[in-house]
Amino acid sequence: MNENEFEYEGKAFIAVDSDAGCYGCYFEQKDCCGLQDDRIIPNCFGSRRQDKTEVMFTEKGADK
């Protein structure tokens, strides 16, 4: 799985650098930890990512 670009439920997502925690992330109101544990979506925690960067996920092409 690419940790920076992926698809979920037919939508394309990208990882963007974030120091705001979950605020503004597409998955903020979803069970994202369960989705990460099941490898459905990549991890957002820097300590668990290959690039060691804290990120949040936004829909590709969506306005910030």
N, C-alpha and C. Protein backbone atom coordinates (compact mmCIF):
# COMPACT_ATOMS: atom_id res chain seq x y z
N MET A 1 0.85 -1.19 0.00
CA MET A 1 0.00 0.00 0.00
C MET A 1 0.89 1.25 0.00
N ASN A 2 0.56 2.20 -0.84
CA ASN A 2 1.26 3.47 -0.86
C ASN A 2 0.76 4.30 0.32
N GLU A 3 1.66 4.77 1.17
CA GLU A 3 1.22 5.51 2.35
C GLU A 3 0.87 6.96 2.06
N ASN A 4 1.09 7.42 0.83
CA ASN A 4 0.80 8.82 0.49
C ASN A 4 -0.38 9.00 -0.45
N GLU A 5 -0.73 7.98 -1.21
CA GLU A 5 -1.89 8.03 -2.10
C GLU A 5 -2.58 6.68 -2.09
N PHE A 6 -3.89 6.70 -1.96
CA PHE A 6 -4.65 5.45 -1.90
C PHE A 6 -6.11 5.73 -2.24
N GLU A 7 -6.88 4.67 -2.43
CA GLU A 7 -8.30 4.78 -2.67
C GLU A 7 -9.07 4.14 -1.53
N TYR A 8 -10.20 4.75 -1.22
CA TYR A 8 -11.09 4.23 -0.18
C TYR A 8 -12.52 4.52 -0.61
N GLU A 9 -13.33 3.49 -0.67
CA GLU A 9 -14.74 3.61 -1.06
C GLU A 9 -14.91 4.40 -2.36
N GLY A 10 -14.04 4.13 -3.33
CA GLY A 10 -14.14 4.74 -4.65
C GLY A 10 -13.62 6.16 -4.76
N LYS A 11 -13.03 6.69 -3.70
CA LYS A 11 -12.47 8.04 -3.71
C LYS A 11 -10.95 7.97 -3.58
N ALA A 12 -10.25 8.91 -4.21
CA ALA A 12 -8.79 8.96 -4.15
C ALA A 12 -8.38 9.94 -3.04
N PHE A 13 -7.38 9.52 -2.25
CA PHE A 13 -6.90 10.34 -1.13
C PHE A 13 -5.40 10.54 -1.21
N ILE A 14 -4.96 11.66 -0.65
CA ILE A 14 -3.53 11.94 -0.54
C ILE A 14 -3.21 12.33 0.90
N ALA A 15 -1.98 12.06 1.28
CA ALA A 15 -1.49 12.48 2.60
C ALA A 15 -0.89 13.87 2.48
N VAL A 16 -1.22 14.73 3.43
CA VAL A 16 -0.63 16.07 3.49
C VAL A 16 -0.03 16.27 4.87
N ASP A 17 1.11 16.94 4.93
CA ASP A 17 1.76 17.21 6.21
C ASP A 17 0.78 17.92 7.13
N SER A 18 0.79 17.52 8.40
CA SER A 18 -0.14 18.12 9.35
C SER A 18 0.45 18.12 10.75
N ASP A 19 0.36 19.26 11.40
CA ASP A 19 0.72 19.32 12.81
C ASP A 19 -0.54 19.61 13.63
N ALA A 20 -1.71 19.48 12.99
CA ALA A 20 -3.00 19.76 13.63
C ALA A 20 -3.69 18.50 14.13
N GLY A 21 -2.97 17.40 14.15
CA GLY A 21 -3.59 16.15 14.59
C GLY A 21 -4.66 15.72 13.61
N CYS A 22 -5.80 15.33 14.12
CA CYS A 22 -6.89 14.82 13.28
C CYS A 22 -7.74 15.94 12.66
N TYR A 23 -7.60 17.15 13.17
CA TYR A 23 -8.45 18.25 12.70
C TYR A 23 -8.29 18.47 11.20
N GLY A 24 -9.37 18.35 10.46
CA GLY A 24 -9.36 18.57 9.03
C GLY A 24 -9.15 17.32 8.20
N CYS A 25 -8.85 16.21 8.85
CA CYS A 25 -8.65 14.95 8.14
C CYS A 25 -10.00 14.40 7.69
N TYR A 26 -10.05 13.83 6.50
CA TYR A 26 -11.27 13.21 6.00
C TYR A 26 -11.78 12.14 6.95
N PHE A 27 -10.89 11.43 7.60
CA PHE A 27 -11.25 10.31 8.47
C PHE A 27 -11.45 10.71 9.93
N GLU A 28 -11.48 12.01 10.22
CA GLU A 28 -11.58 12.50 11.59
C GLU A 28 -12.78 11.91 12.35
N GLN A 29 -13.90 11.75 11.70
CA GLN A 29 -15.11 11.26 12.36
C GLN A 29 -15.36 9.77 12.10
N LYS A 30 -14.37 9.07 11.57
CA LYS A 30 -14.52 7.65 11.27
C LYS A 30 -13.61 6.84 12.20
N ASP A 31 -13.77 5.55 12.22
CA ASP A 31 -12.91 4.67 13.03
C ASP A 31 -11.60 4.45 12.27
N CYS A 32 -10.80 5.50 12.16
CA CYS A 32 -9.59 5.41 11.34
C CYS A 32 -8.56 4.44 11.92
N CYS A 33 -8.47 4.32 13.23
CA CYS A 33 -7.50 3.38 13.81
C CYS A 33 -7.82 1.95 13.40
N GLY A 34 -9.10 1.60 13.39
CA GLY A 34 -9.50 0.27 12.94
C GLY A 34 -9.18 0.06 11.48
N LEU A 35 -9.39 1.09 10.66
CA LEU A 35 -9.09 1.00 9.24
C LEU A 35 -7.59 0.86 9.02
N GLN A 36 -6.78 1.53 9.85
CA GLN A 36 -5.33 1.42 9.75
C GLN A 36 -4.86 0.04 10.18
N ASP A 37 -5.42 -0.46 11.27
CA ASP A 37 -5.03 -1.79 11.76
C ASP A 37 -5.36 -2.88 10.75
N ASP A 38 -6.46 -2.70 10.03
CA ASP A 38 -6.86 -3.67 9.01
C ASP A 38 -6.19 -3.41 7.66
N ARG A 39 -5.28 -2.42 7.61
CA ARG A 39 -4.55 -2.04 6.40
C ARG A 39 -5.45 -1.62 5.25
N ILE A 40 -6.59 -1.03 5.59
CA ILE A 40 -7.49 -0.49 4.59
C ILE A 40 -7.02 0.90 4.17
N ILE A 41 -6.54 1.66 5.15
CA ILE A 41 -5.93 2.97 4.87
C ILE A 41 -4.55 2.99 5.54
N PRO A 42 -3.64 3.84 5.03
CA PRO A 42 -2.32 3.93 5.64
C PRO A 42 -2.37 4.64 7.00
N ASN A 43 -1.29 4.55 7.72
CA ASN A 43 -1.20 5.20 9.02
C ASN A 43 -0.87 6.67 8.86
N CYS A 44 -1.34 7.48 9.79
CA CYS A 44 -1.07 8.92 9.77
C CYS A 44 -0.04 9.34 10.82
N PHE A 45 0.24 8.45 11.76
CA PHE A 45 1.18 8.77 12.83
C PHE A 45 2.62 8.66 12.33
N GLY A 46 3.39 9.72 12.51
CA GLY A 46 4.77 9.73 12.05
C GLY A 46 5.58 8.55 12.56
N SER A 47 5.33 8.15 13.79
CA SER A 47 6.08 7.03 14.37
C SER A 47 5.78 5.69 13.70
N ARG A 48 4.69 5.64 12.94
CA ARG A 48 4.29 4.39 12.28
C ARG A 48 4.42 4.45 10.76
N ARG A 49 4.92 5.57 10.24
CA ARG A 49 5.07 5.74 8.79
C ARG A 49 6.52 5.60 8.38
N GLN A 50 6.74 5.14 7.16
CA GLN A 50 8.10 5.00 6.66
C GLN A 50 8.81 6.36 6.58
N ASP A 51 8.07 7.42 6.19
CA ASP A 51 8.69 8.73 6.04
C ASP A 51 8.76 9.52 7.35
N LYS A 52 8.22 8.94 8.43
CA LYS A 52 8.25 9.53 9.78
C LYS A 52 7.57 10.90 9.86
N THR A 53 6.63 11.16 8.95
CA THR A 53 5.94 12.45 8.87
C THR A 53 4.52 12.32 9.41
N GLU A 54 4.10 13.28 10.24
CA GLU A 54 2.72 13.35 10.71
C GLU A 54 1.87 13.88 9.56
N VAL A 55 0.80 13.18 9.23
CA VAL A 55 -0.03 13.59 8.10
C VAL A 55 -1.51 13.50 8.45
N MET A 56 -2.32 14.07 7.59
CA MET A 56 -3.76 13.84 7.58
C MET A 56 -4.11 13.53 6.13
N PHE A 57 -5.30 12.99 5.92
CA PHE A 57 -5.69 12.59 4.58
C PHE A 57 -6.80 13.47 4.05
N THR A 58 -6.65 13.90 2.81
CA THR A 58 -7.66 14.70 2.15
C THR A 58 -8.02 14.05 0.83
N GLU A 59 -9.24 14.32 0.38
CA GLU A 59 -9.67 13.78 -0.90
C GLU A 59 -8.87 14.47 -2.00
N LYS A 60 -8.32 13.68 -2.89
CA LYS A 60 -7.49 14.19 -3.97
C LYS A 60 -8.33 15.11 -4.84
N GLY A 61 -7.82 16.30 -5.11
CA GLY A 61 -8.53 17.27 -5.93
C GLY A 61 -9.48 18.15 -5.15
N ALA A 62 -9.71 17.86 -3.88
CA ALA A 62 -10.62 18.68 -3.07
C ALA A 62 -9.90 19.95 -2.63
N ASP A 63 -10.65 21.03 -2.51
CA ASP A 63 -10.07 22.29 -2.02
C ASP A 63 -9.67 22.14 -0.57
N LYS A 64 -8.55 22.78 -0.22
CA LYS A 64 -8.06 22.72 1.17
C LYS A 64 -8.79 23.71 2.04
